Structures are given as C-alpha cells and as structure tokens.
C-alpha cells in the first residue's frame, strides 16, 4: 500500500457493499436500525423458507424476531418472540442472483 492509502481509507470491495449487515432491525428506536439499507429491500430466508414478517435478525447468532400474534406490550408496541435457526439475507434490489449474507 502507498502512504496515502491506509487500511482505513481503502474502498470496500463491491461484493461486501452488496451484502446486508449481520444484524438489522426495522424499529427506528433500535441501535441496529438503518433506514438506507431497509429502503433497498432486504430479503430474509429463515430455516430455508423466505419470510416477510421479520422484525429483526442476526445472521452470526442465528436468530430472528417476529411478532407474537396481535399481542401488544404496555407501551403499545407489538410483542416479539425470538426464533433460532439458519438465517440468510440479501438485497432485493439486486435481483435473483444477489449475493447472500449467511453464517
């Protein structure tokens, strides 16, 4: 590497930029919320089945959070349950051959 190009300033590889983050949530209050990435559309496959009801996921830890029916907590937010299993994520705007983020 040259003097001007340090590891912090080297551009990310295109493949790495096209893979969703390891942990993402749709709740704006969550520290794992990222509106820009969510606007692109993130597809989730959990235990081999594509799901559209995921509230939050973590690929490396192997879990997703989904709504627990119509139940609400005392602050009016939907109750969620954590399900464990294999999680894969991809950006839907990249089409059918989008690179997968999986553990």
Protein backbone atom coordinates (compact mmCIF):
# COMPACT_ATOMS: atom_id res chain seq x y z
CA UNK A 1 0.00 0.00 0.00
CA UNK A 2 1.12 3.51 -0.67
CA UNK A 3 1.47 6.16 2.01
CA UNK A 4 -1.81 7.83 1.03
CA UNK A 5 -3.79 4.60 1.19
CA UNK A 6 -4.14 3.25 4.71
CA UNK A 7 -6.34 0.26 5.57
CA UNK A 8 -8.99 2.68 6.87
CA UNK A 9 -9.23 4.54 3.57
CA UNK A 10 -9.16 1.63 1.13
CA UNK A 11 -12.50 1.31 -0.60
CA UNK A 12 -14.68 -1.66 0.31
CA UNK A 13 -14.98 -4.41 -2.23
CA UNK A 14 -18.16 -4.21 -4.31
CA UNK A 15 -19.29 -7.64 -3.12
CA UNK A 16 -19.04 -6.60 0.54
CA UNK A 17 -21.09 -3.46 -0.12
CA UNK A 18 -23.86 -5.55 -1.71
CA UNK A 19 -24.44 -7.81 1.30
CA UNK A 20 -26.83 -6.77 4.08
CA UNK A 21 -25.43 -6.22 7.58
CA UNK A 22 -25.12 -9.04 10.10
CA UNK A 23 -27.72 -7.50 12.43
CA UNK A 24 -30.62 -5.32 11.27
CA UNK A 25 -33.90 -4.15 12.83
CA UNK A 26 -36.94 -2.34 11.44
CA UNK A 27 -37.67 -0.45 14.70
CA UNK A 28 -36.26 3.12 14.45
CA UNK A 29 -35.53 3.10 18.21
CA UNK A 30 -33.16 0.13 17.85
CA UNK A 31 -29.39 0.70 17.62
CA UNK A 32 -29.42 -1.80 14.73
CA UNK A 33 -31.84 0.24 12.61
CA UNK A 34 -30.52 1.52 9.26
CA UNK A 35 -33.13 3.23 7.10
CA UNK A 36 -30.96 3.39 3.97
CA UNK A 37 -30.40 -0.35 3.94
CA UNK A 38 -34.05 -1.08 4.64
CA UNK A 39 -35.15 1.13 1.72
CA UNK A 40 -33.18 -1.10 -0.63
CA UNK A 41 -35.32 -4.04 0.48
CA UNK A 42 -33.79 -6.87 2.46
CA UNK A 43 -34.95 -10.41 1.75
CA UNK A 44 -34.72 -12.91 4.61
CA UNK A 45 -34.65 -16.70 4.39
CA UNK A 46 -35.10 -18.42 7.76
CA UNK A 47 -34.66 -22.20 8.01
CA UNK A 48 -34.83 -22.47 4.21
CA UNK A 49 -38.11 -20.54 3.87
CA UNK A 50 -38.43 -16.95 2.69
CA UNK A 51 -40.14 -14.79 5.33
CA UNK A 52 -41.72 -11.33 5.14
CA UNK A 53 -42.66 -10.90 8.81
CA UNK A 54 -39.18 -10.44 10.33
CA UNK A 55 -38.82 -7.53 12.79
CA UNK A 56 -35.10 -8.06 13.49
CA UNK A 57 -32.42 -10.59 12.58
CA UNK A 58 -28.84 -11.58 13.42
CA UNK A 59 -27.06 -13.84 10.98
CA UNK A 60 -23.97 -14.67 13.06
CA UNK A 61 -26.02 -15.62 16.14
CA UNK A 62 -28.67 -17.44 14.07
CA UNK A 63 -31.94 -15.85 15.19
CA UNK A 64 -34.85 -13.70 14.02
CA UNK A 65 -37.56 -11.78 15.89
CA UNK A 66 -41.15 -11.99 14.69
CA UNK A 67 -44.41 -10.57 16.01
CA UNK A 68 -46.23 -12.77 18.54
CA UNK A 69 -49.70 -12.55 17.01
CA UNK A 70 -51.63 -9.38 17.81
CA UNK A 71 -50.35 -9.09 21.37
CA UNK A 72 -49.05 -5.69 22.46
CA UNK A 73 -46.85 -4.64 25.35
CA UNK A 74 -47.88 -1.94 27.83
CA UNK A 75 -46.44 0.78 25.60
CA UNK A 76 -48.49 -0.29 22.59
CA UNK A 77 -45.65 -1.97 20.69
CA UNK A 78 -46.09 -5.47 19.28
CA UNK A 79 -44.66 -8.31 21.36
CA UNK A 80 -41.97 -10.28 19.57
CA UNK A 81 -40.50 -13.74 20.01
CA UNK A 82 -37.01 -14.89 19.11
CA UNK A 83 -36.71 -17.92 16.84
CA UNK A 84 -33.38 -19.68 16.38
CA UNK A 85 -32.15 -21.25 13.15
CA UNK A 86 -30.21 -20.61 9.95
CA UNK A 87 -30.64 -17.05 8.64
CA UNK A 88 -29.74 -15.75 5.16
CA UNK A 89 -30.19 -12.17 3.93
CA UNK A 90 -29.84 -10.39 0.58
CA UNK A 91 -30.75 -7.10 -1.03
CA UNK A 92 -33.88 -7.49 -3.13
CA UNK A 93 -32.94 -4.63 -5.48
CA UNK A 94 -30.06 -6.74 -6.88
CA UNK A 95 -32.37 -9.32 -8.46
CA UNK A 96 -32.33 -13.11 -8.34
CA UNK A 97 -28.55 -13.61 -8.26
CA UNK A 98 -27.90 -11.26 -5.35
CA UNK A 99 -25.03 -12.25 -3.02
CA UNK A 100 -26.21 -13.85 0.23
CA UNK A 101 -25.10 -12.93 3.72
CA UNK A 102 -25.08 -16.12 5.77
CA UNK A 103 -23.17 -17.71 8.61
